[in-house]
PDB file of N, CA and C in Angstrom:
ATOM      1  N   MET A   1     -88.400  -4.293  64.761  1.00  0.00           N
ATOM      2  CA  MET A   1     -89.545  -4.854  65.345  1.00  0.00           C
ATOM      3  C   MET A   1     -89.338  -6.314  65.348  1.00  0.00           C
ATOM      4  N   ASN A   2     -89.955  -6.940  66.416  1.00  0.00           N
ATOM      5  CA  ASN A   2     -89.706  -8.385  66.596  1.00  0.00           C
ATOM      6  C   ASN A   2     -90.893  -9.047  66.784  1.00  0.00           C
ATOM      7  N   ASP A   3     -91.990  -8.425  66.187  1.00  0.00           N
ATOM      8  CA  ASP A   3     -93.367  -9.111  66.426  1.00  0.00           C
ATOM      9  C   ASP A   3     -93.672 -10.220  65.917  1.00  0.00           C
ATOM     10  N   LEU A   4     -94.079 -11.245  66.488  1.00  0.00           N
ATOM     11  CA  LEU A   4     -94.458 -12.536  65.824  1.00  0.00           C
ATOM     12  C   LEU A   4     -95.942 -12.650  66.013  1.00  0.00           C
ATOM     13  N   ARG A   5     -96.508 -12.934  64.863  1.00  0.00           N
ATOM     14  CA  ARG A   5     -98.043 -13.074  64.510  1.00  0.00           C
ATOM     15  C   ARG A   5     -98.259 -14.222  63.526  1.00  0.00           C
ATOM     16  N   PRO A   6     -99.542 -14.737  63.565  1.00  0.00           N
ATOM     17  CA  PRO A   6     -99.996 -15.727  62.653  1.00  0.00           C
ATOM     18  C   PRO A   6    -100.080 -14.902  61.244  1.00  0.00           C
ATOM     19  N   LEU A   7     -99.874 -15.664  60.262  1.00  0.00           N
ATOM     20  CA  LEU A   7     -99.939 -15.061  58.856  1.00  0.00           C
ATOM     21  C   LEU A   7    -101.357 -14.739  58.718  1.00  0.00           C
ATOM     22  N   SER A   8    -102.326 -15.431  59.250  1.00  0.00           N
ATOM     23  CA  SER A   8    -103.680 -15.042  59.122  1.00  0.00           C
ATOM     24  C   SER A   8    -104.025 -13.707  59.557  1.00  0.00           C
ATOM     25  N   GLU A   9    -103.411 -12.978  60.540  1.00  0.00           N
ATOM     26  CA  GLU A   9    -103.600 -11.794  61.063  1.00  0.00           C
ATOM     27  C   GLU A   9    -102.833 -10.513  60.400  1.00  0.00           C
ATOM     28  N   LEU A  10    -101.956 -10.842  59.334  1.00  0.00           N
ATOM     29  CA  LEU A  10    -101.308  -9.648  58.763  1.00  0.00           C
ATOM     30  C   LEU A  10    -102.078  -8.968  57.824  1.00  0.00           C
ATOM     31  N   ASN A  11    -101.658  -7.806  57.540  1.00  0.00           N
ATOM     32  CA  ASN A  11    -102.383  -6.815  56.593  1.00  0.00           C
ATOM     33  C   ASN A  11    -101.769  -6.987  55.216  1.00  0.00           C
ATOM     34  N   PRO A  12    -102.471  -6.659  54.138  1.00  0.00           N
ATOM     35  CA  PRO A  12    -101.743  -6.594  52.816  1.00  0.00           C
ATOM     36  C   PRO A  12    -100.640  -5.492  53.021  1.00  0.00           C
ATOM     37  N   GLY A  13     -99.531  -5.816  52.341  1.00  0.00           N
ATOM     38  CA  GLY A  13     -98.457  -5.035  52.376  1.00  0.00           C
ATOM     39  C   GLY A  13     -97.393  -5.410  53.287  1.00  0.00           C
ATOM     40  N   ASP A  14     -97.817  -6.233  54.464  1.00  0.00           N
ATOM     41  CA  ASP A  14     -96.927  -6.584  55.582  1.00  0.00           C
ATOM     42  C   ASP A  14     -95.779  -7.566  55.109  1.00  0.00           C
ATOM     43  N   HIS A  15     -94.641  -7.446  55.421  1.00  0.00           N
ATOM     44  CA  HIS A  15     -93.535  -8.302  55.087  1.00  0.00           C
ATOM     45  C   HIS A  15     -93.053  -8.963  56.102  1.00  0.00           C
ATOM     46  N   GLY A  16     -92.543 -10.072  56.074  1.00  0.00           N
ATOM     47  CA  GLY A  16     -91.884 -10.852  57.332  1.00  0.00           C
ATOM     48  C   GLY A  16     -91.205 -12.035  56.925  1.00  0.00           C
ATOM     49  N   VAL A  17     -90.671 -12.900  57.900  1.00  0.00           N
ATOM     50  CA  VAL A  17     -89.926 -14.144  57.783  1.00  0.00           C
ATOM     51  C   VAL A  17     -90.801 -15.124  58.551  1.00  0.00           C
ATOM     52  N   ILE A  18     -90.893 -16.280  57.826  1.00  0.00           N
ATOM     53  CA  ILE A  18     -91.560 -17.399  58.622  1.00  0.00           C
ATOM     54  C   ILE A  18     -90.853 -17.757  59.771  1.00  0.00           C
ATOM     55  N   ALA A  19     -91.348 -17.867  60.961  1.00  0.00           N
ATOM     56  CA  ALA A  19     -90.687 -18.367  62.289  1.00  0.00           C
ATOM     57  C   ALA A  19     -90.939 -19.716  62.391  1.00  0.00           C
ATOM     58  N   ALA A  20     -92.408 -20.214  62.225  1.00  0.00           N
ATOM     59  CA  ALA A  20     -92.614 -21.578  62.552  1.00  0.00           C
ATOM     60  C   ALA A  20     -93.794 -21.879  61.836  1.00  0.00           C
ATOM     61  N   VAL A  21     -94.055 -23.288  61.390  1.00  0.00           N
ATOM     62  CA  VAL A  21     -95.080 -23.860  60.666  1.00  0.00           C
ATOM     63  C   VAL A  21     -95.620 -24.763  61.570  1.00  0.00           C
ATOM     64  N   HIS A  22     -96.938 -24.623  62.113  1.00  0.00           N
ATOM     65  CA  HIS A  22     -97.630 -25.493  62.844  1.00  0.00           C
ATOM     66  C   HIS A  22     -98.799 -25.955  62.134  1.00  0.00           C
ATOM     67  N   ALA A  23     -98.838 -27.294  61.662  1.00  0.00           N
ATOM     68  CA  ALA A  23     -99.957 -27.974  60.920  1.00  0.00           C
ATOM     69  C   ALA A  23     -99.795 -29.433  60.931  1.00  0.00           C
ATOM     70  N   PRO A  24    -100.968 -30.220  60.794  1.00  0.00           N
ATOM     71  CA  PRO A  24    -100.876 -31.600  60.705  1.00  0.00           C
ATOM     72  C   PRO A  24     -99.805 -32.150  59.704  1.00  0.00           C
ATOM     73  N   GLU A  25     -99.414 -33.155  59.807  1.00  0.00           N
ATOM     74  CA  GLU A  25     -98.288 -33.795  58.944  1.00  0.00           C
ATOM     75  C   GLU A  25     -98.710 -33.600  57.548  1.00  0.00           C
ATOM     76  N   GLU A  26     -99.735 -34.145  57.098  1.00  0.00           N
ATOM     77  CA  GLU A  26     -99.953 -33.869  55.442  1.00  0.00           C
ATOM     78  C   GLU A  26     -99.931 -32.495  55.214  1.00  0.00           C
ATOM     79  N   LEU A  27    -100.649 -31.456  55.872  1.00  0.00           N
ATOM     80  CA  LEU A  27    -100.714 -30.251  55.478  1.00  0.00           C
ATOM     81  C   LEU A  27     -99.163 -29.646  55.526  1.00  0.00           C
ATOM     82  N   GLY A  28     -98.593 -30.034  56.636  1.00  0.00           N
ATOM     83  CA  GLY A  28     -97.277 -29.498  56.655  1.00  0.00           C
ATOM     84  C   GLY A  28     -96.393 -29.811  55.570  1.00  0.00           C
ATOM     85  N   LYS A  29     -96.481 -31.111  54.925  1.00  0.00           N
ATOM     86  CA  LYS A  29     -95.720 -31.562  53.823  1.00  0.00           C
ATOM     87  C   LYS A  29     -96.001 -30.746  52.632  1.00  0.00           C
ATOM     88  N   ARG A  30     -97.441 -30.306  52.491  1.00  0.00           N
ATOM     89  CA  ARG A  30     -97.860 -29.622  51.228  1.00  0.00           C
ATOM     90  C   ARG A  30     -97.314 -28.112  51.534  1.00  0.00           C
ATOM     91  N   LEU A  31     -97.522 -27.575  52.653  1.00  0.00           N
ATOM     92  CA  LEU A  31     -96.895 -26.224  52.855  1.00  0.00           C
ATOM     93  C   LEU A  31     -95.482 -25.950  52.500  1.00  0.00           C
ATOM     94  N   THR A  32     -94.717 -27.022  52.919  1.00  0.00           N
ATOM     95  CA  THR A  32     -93.264 -27.213  52.784  1.00  0.00           C
ATOM     96  C   THR A  32     -92.975 -27.341  51.181  1.00  0.00           C
ATOM     97  N   ALA A  33     -93.761 -28.145  50.569  1.00  0.00           N
ATOM     98  CA  ALA A  33     -93.691 -28.094  48.998  1.00  0.00           C
ATOM     99  C   ALA A  33     -94.002 -26.807  48.437  1.00  0.00           C
ATOM    100  N   LEU A  34     -94.812 -26.199  48.796  1.00  0.00           N
ATOM    101  CA  LEU A  34     -95.429 -24.819  48.370  1.00  0.00           C
ATOM    102  C   LEU A  34     -94.265 -23.664  48.533  1.00  0.00           C
ATOM    103  N   GLY A  35     -93.246 -24.028  49.583  1.00  0.00           N
ATOM    104  CA  GLY A  35     -92.160 -23.064  49.784  1.00  0.00           C
ATOM    105  C   GLY A  35     -92.339 -22.293  51.268  1.00  0.00           C
ATOM    106  N   PHE A  36     -93.274 -22.860  52.120  1.00  0.00           N
ATOM    107  CA  PHE A  36     -93.374 -22.382  53.560  1.00  0.00           C
ATOM    108  C   PHE A  36     -92.517 -23.038  54.411  1.00  0.00           C
ATOM    109  N   SER A  37     -91.257 -22.659  54.671  1.00  0.00           N
ATOM    110  CA  SER A  37     -90.281 -23.026  55.434  1.00  0.00           C
ATOM    111  C   SER A  37     -89.609 -22.021  56.471  1.00  0.00           C
ATOM    112  N   THR A  38     -89.350 -22.345  57.570  1.00  0.00           N
ATOM    113  CA  THR A  38     -88.770 -21.432  58.463  1.00  0.00           C
ATOM    114  C   THR A  38     -87.722 -20.681  57.924  1.00  0.00           C
ATOM    115  N   GLY A  39     -87.645 -19.322  58.257  1.00  0.00           N
ATOM    116  CA  GLY A  39     -86.515 -18.519  57.625  1.00  0.00           C
ATOM    117  C   GLY A  39     -86.936 -17.848  56.210  1.00  0.00           C
ATOM    118  N   ARG A  40     -87.770 -18.324  55.680  1.00  0.00           N
ATOM    119  CA  ARG A  40     -88.212 -17.800  54.199  1.00  0.00           C
ATOM    120  C   ARG A  40     -89.088 -16.498  54.375  1.00  0.00           C
ATOM    121  N   PRO A  41     -88.497 -15.492  53.745  1.00  0.00           N
ATOM    122  CA  PRO A  41     -89.339 -14.373  53.627  1.00  0.00           C
ATOM    123  C   PRO A  41     -90.492 -14.345  52.857  1.00  0.00           C
ATOM    124  N   LEU A  42     -91.493 -13.471  53.227  1.00  0.00           N
ATOM    125  CA  LEU A  42     -92.819 -13.620  52.586  1.00  0.00           C
ATOM    126  C   LEU A  42     -93.484 -12.143  52.597  1.00  0.00           C
ATOM    127  N   ALA A  43     -94.412 -12.023  51.820  1.00  0.00           N
ATOM    128  CA  ALA A  43     -95.311 -10.743  51.829  1.00  0.00           C
ATOM    129  C   ALA A  43     -96.799 -11.043  51.827  1.00  0.00           C
ATOM    130  N   LEU A  44     -97.542 -10.323  52.518  1.00  0.00           N
ATOM    131  CA  LEU A  44     -98.987 -10.715  52.209  1.00  0.00           C
ATOM    132  C   LEU A  44     -99.510  -9.600  51.020  1.00  0.00           C
ATOM    133  N   VAL A  45     -99.935 -10.105  49.997  1.00  0.00           N
ATOM    134  CA  VAL A  45    -100.219  -9.303  48.881  1.00  0.00           C
ATOM    135  C   VAL A  45    -101.717  -8.527  49.074  1.00  0.00           C
ATOM    136  N   ARG A  46    -102.744  -9.591  49.315  1.00  0.00           N
ATOM    137  CA  ARG A  46    -103.998  -9.184  49.561  1.00  0.00           C
ATOM    138  C   ARG A  46    -104.957 -10.330  50.090  1.00  0.00           C
ATOM    139  N   ARG A  47    -106.171  -9.756  50.786  1.00  0.00           N
ATOM    140  CA  ARG A  47    -106.948 -10.640  51.408  1.00  0.00           C
ATOM    141  C   ARG A  47    -108.186 -10.689  50.700  1.00  0.00           C
ATOM    142  N   ALA A  48    -108.778 -11.739  50.435  1.00  0.00           N
ATOM    143  CA  ALA A  48    -110.185 -11.847  49.732  1.00  0.00           C
ATOM    144  C   ALA A  48    -111.162 -11.501  50.828  1.00  0.00           C
ATOM    145  N   LEU A  49    -112.414 -11.186  50.284  1.00  0.00           N
ATOM    146  CA  LEU A  49    -113.362 -10.641  51.163  1.00  0.00           C
ATOM    147  C   LEU A  49    -114.058 -11.710  51.864  1.00  0.00           C
ATOM    148  N   LEU A  50    -114.885 -11.499  52.972  1.00  0.00           N
ATOM    149  CA  LEU A  50    -115.422 -12.334  53.740  1.00  0.00           C
ATOM    150  C   LEU A  50    -114.496 -13.528  54.164  1.00  0.00           C
ATOM    151  N   ARG A  51    -113.428 -13.403  54.778  1.00  0.00           N
ATOM    152  CA  ARG A  51    -112.485 -14.241  55.233  1.00  0.00           C
ATOM    153  C   ARG A  51    -112.088 -15.377  54.216  1.00  0.00           C
ATOM    154  N   GLY A  52    -111.940 -14.828  52.931  1.00  0.00           N
ATOM    155  CA  GLY A  52    -111.618 -15.844  51.777  1.00  0.00           C
ATOM    156  C   GLY A  52    -110.014 -16.068  51.926  1.00  0.00           C
ATOM    157  N   PRO A  53    -109.691 -16.550  50.911  1.00  0.00           N
ATOM    158  CA  PRO A  53    -108.161 -16.932  51.013  1.00  0.00           C
ATOM    159  C   PRO A  53    -107.315 -15.765  50.969  1.00  0.00           C
ATOM    160  N   LEU A  54    -105.979 -15.841  51.452  1.00  0.00           N
ATOM    161  CA  LEU A  54    -104.932 -14.873  51.361  1.00  0.00           C
ATOM    162  C   LEU A  54    -104.056 -15.136  50.112  1.00  0.00           C
ATOM    163  N   HIS A  55    -103.513 -14.034  49.604  1.00  0.00           N
ATOM    164  CA  HIS A  55    -102.644 -14.000  48.523  1.00  0.00           C
ATOM    165  C   HIS A  55    -101.271 -13.745  49.027  1.00  0.00           C
ATOM    166  N   VAL A  56    -100.309 -14.642  49.006  1.00  0.00           N
ATOM    167  CA  VAL A  56     -99.090 -14.641  49.730  1.00  0.00           C
ATOM    168  C   VAL A  56     -97.996 -14.625  48.853  1.00  0.00           C
ATOM    169  N   ARG A  57     -96.934 -13.924  48.912  1.00  0.00           N
ATOM    170  CA  ARG A  57     -95.845 -14.134  47.853  1.00  0.00           C
ATOM    171  C   ARG A  57     -94.462 -14.368  48.555  1.00  0.00           C
ATOM    172  N   LEU A  58     -94.145 -15.560  47.932  1.00  0.00           N
ATOM    173  CA  LEU A  58     -92.750 -16.188  48.572  1.00  0.00           C
ATOM    174  C   LEU A  58     -91.744 -16.109  47.468  1.00  0.00           C
ATOM    175  N   GLY A  59     -90.979 -14.976  47.602  1.00  0.00           N
ATOM    176  CA  GLY A  59     -89.990 -14.720  46.521  1.00  0.00           C
ATOM    177  C   GLY A  59     -90.511 -14.292  45.342  1.00  0.00           C
ATOM    178  N   THR A  60     -90.766 -15.379  44.237  1.00  0.00           N
ATOM    179  CA  THR A  60     -91.249 -14.995  43.068  1.00  0.00           C
ATOM    180  C   THR A  60     -92.458 -15.934  42.866  1.00  0.00           C
ATOM    181  N   THR A  61     -92.730 -16.706  43.905  1.00  0.00           N
ATOM    182  CA  THR A  61     -93.943 -17.572  43.840  1.00  0.00           C
ATOM    183  C   THR A  61     -95.140 -16.933  44.617  1.00  0.00           C
ATOM    184  N   ASP A  62     -96.327 -16.966  44.001  1.00  0.00           N
ATOM    185  CA  ASP A  62     -97.546 -16.573  44.592  1.00  0.00           C
ATOM    186  C   ASP A  62     -98.404 -17.705  45.071  1.00  0.00           C
ATOM    187  N   VAL A  63     -98.939 -17.711  46.185  1.00  0.00           N
ATOM    188  CA  VAL A  63     -99.733 -18.696  46.702  1.00  0.00           C
ATOM    189  C   VAL A  63    -100.931 -18.216  47.222  1.00  0.00           C
ATOM    190  N   ALA A  64    -102.034 -18.846  47.013  1.00  0.00           N
ATOM    191  CA  ALA A  64    -103.371 -18.599  47.815  1.00  0.00           C
ATOM    192  C   ALA A  64    -103.568 -19.638  48.890  1.00  0.00           C
ATOM    193  N   LEU A  65    -103.922 -19.121  50.138  1.00  0.00           N
ATOM    194  CA  LEU A  65    -103.790 -19.940  51.183  1.00  0.00           C
ATOM    195  C   LEU A  65    -105.170 -19.646  52.019  1.00  0.00           C
ATOM    196  N   ARG A  66    -105.698 -20.657  52.402  1.00  0.00           N
ATOM    197  CA  ARG A  66    -106.969 -20.598  53.178  1.00  0.00           C
ATOM    198  C   ARG A  66    -106.710 -20.029  54.763  1.00  0.00           C
ATOM    199  N   MET A  67    -107.636 -19.338  55.297  1.00  0.00           N
ATOM    200  CA  MET A  67    -107.459 -18.583  56.543  1.00  0.00           C
ATOM    201  C   MET A  67    -106.988 -19.778  57.454  1.00  0.00           C
ATOM    202  N   ALA A  68    -107.520 -20.800  57.639  1.00  0.00           N
ATOM    203  CA  ALA A  68    -107.227 -21.902  58.548  1.00  0.00           C
ATOM    204  C   ALA A  68    -105.846 -22.439  58.436  1.00  0.00           C
ATOM    205  N   GLU A  69    -105.456 -22.478  57.321  1.00  0.00           N
ATOM    206  CA  GLU A  69    -103.978 -22.865  56.912  1.00  0.00           C
ATOM    207  C   GLU A  69    -102.872 -21.809  57.378  1.00  0.00           C
ATOM    208  N   ALA A  70    -103.435 -20.447  57.028  1.00  0.00           N
ATOM    209  CA  ALA A  70    -102.480 -19.419  57.394  1.00  0.00           C
ATOM    210  C   ALA A  70    -102.359 -19.162  58.951  1.00  0.00           C
ATOM    211  N   ALA A  71    -103.417 -19.532  59.668  1.00  0.00           N
ATOM    212  CA  ALA A  71    -103.282 -19.497  61.154  1.00  0.00           C
ATOM    213  C   ALA A  71    -102.298 -20.177  61.728  1.00  0.00           C
ATOM    214  N   GLY A  72    -101.844 -21.335  61.148  1.00  0.00           N
ATOM    215  CA  GLY A  72    -100.766 -22.110  61.712  1.00  0.00           C
ATOM    216  C   GLY A  72     -99.132 -21.626  61.360  1.00  0.00           C
ATOM    217  N   ILE A  73     -99.083 -20.491  60.608  1.00  0.00           N
ATOM    218  CA  ILE A  73     -97.858 -20.197  60.155  1.00  0.00           C
ATOM    219  C   ILE A  73     -97.533 -18.979  60.778  1.00  0.00           C
ATOM    220  N   GLN A  74     -96.470 -19.030  61.773  1.00  0.00           N
ATOM    221  CA  GLN A  74     -96.128 -17.874  62.625  1.00  0.00           C
ATOM    222  C   GLN A  74     -94.943 -17.021  61.902  1.00  0.00           C
ATOM    223  N   VAL A  75     -95.250 -15.884  61.752  1.00  0.00           N
ATOM    224  CA  VAL A  75     -94.433 -14.806  61.011  1.00  0.00           C
ATOM    225  C   VAL A  75     -93.673 -13.791  61.822  1.00  0.00           C
ATOM    226  N   ARG A  76     -92.511 -13.551  61.642  1.00  0.00           N
ATOM    227  CA  ARG A  76     -91.867 -12.406  62.464  1.00  0.00           C
ATOM    228  C   ARG A  76     -91.967 -11.369  61.501  1.00  0.00           C
ATOM    229  N   LEU A  77     -92.579 -10.325  61.769  1.00  0.00           N
ATOM    230  CA  LEU A  77     -92.710  -9.162  61.046  1.00  0.00           C
ATOM    231  C   LEU A  77     -91.538  -8.442  60.750  1.00  0.00           C
ATOM    232  N   ALA A  78     -91.150  -7.723  59.689  1.00  0.00           N
ATOM    233  CA  ALA A  78     -90.037  -7.181  59.240  1.00  0.00           C
ATOM    234  C   ALA A  78     -90.303  -5.461  59.570  1.00  0.00           C
ATOM    235  N   ALA A  79     -89.170  -4.711  59.924  1.00  0.00           N
ATOM    236  CA  ALA A  79     -89.510  -3.357  60.250  1.00  0.00           C
ATOM    237  C   ALA A  79     -90.005  -2.776  58.923  1.00  0.00           C
ATOM    238  N   PRO A  80     -90.869  -1.717  59.063  1.00  0.00           N
ATOM    239  CA  PRO A  80     -91.360  -1.079  57.884  1.00  0.00           C
ATOM    240  C   PRO A  80     -90.141  -0.416  57.141  1.00  0.00           C
ATOM    241  N   VAL A  81     -90.096  -0.375  55.862  1.00  0.00           N
ATOM    242  CA  VAL A  81     -89.022   0.384  55.124  1.00  0.00           C
ATOM    243  C   VAL A  81     -89.539   1.854  54.982  1.00  0.00           C
ATOM    244  N   PRO A  82     -88.518   2.842  55.403  1.00  0.00           N
ATOM    245  CA  PRO A  82     -88.928   4.278  55.512  1.00  0.00           C
ATOM    246  C   PRO A  82     -89.090   4.600  53.960  1.00  0.00           C
ATOM    247  N   ALA A  83     -90.071   5.625  53.692  1.00  0.00           N
ATOM    248  CA  ALA A  83     -90.161   6.213  52.522  1.00  0.00           C
ATOM    249  C   ALA A  83     -89.243   7.277  52.092  1.00  0.00           C
TER     250      ALA A  83
END
C-alpha cells in the first residue's frame, strides 16, 4: 500500500511513515523537536472524543497532538500486518 494521508485522518491502530511535515516555522521546529521528521515510523494509538487530541507513538515516545497540527503531517500508510 502506498496511500498518503494526513495524520489527522488515520484511524487508531494505523501505522505509517512520515512523508512530509507542512507547518509554519515555529510549529515545524516544535514538531521536529518532538520527533516528527520525514522517514520516521509512527502509529496512531487513539483519538480523543469530539475532535480532541491524537495520541501518536513515535518509536518509544508518545505524543499528544492537536487535530490542526496533525493535519499538516503527511503519512504514507504501511501495509497491514497479516494475522
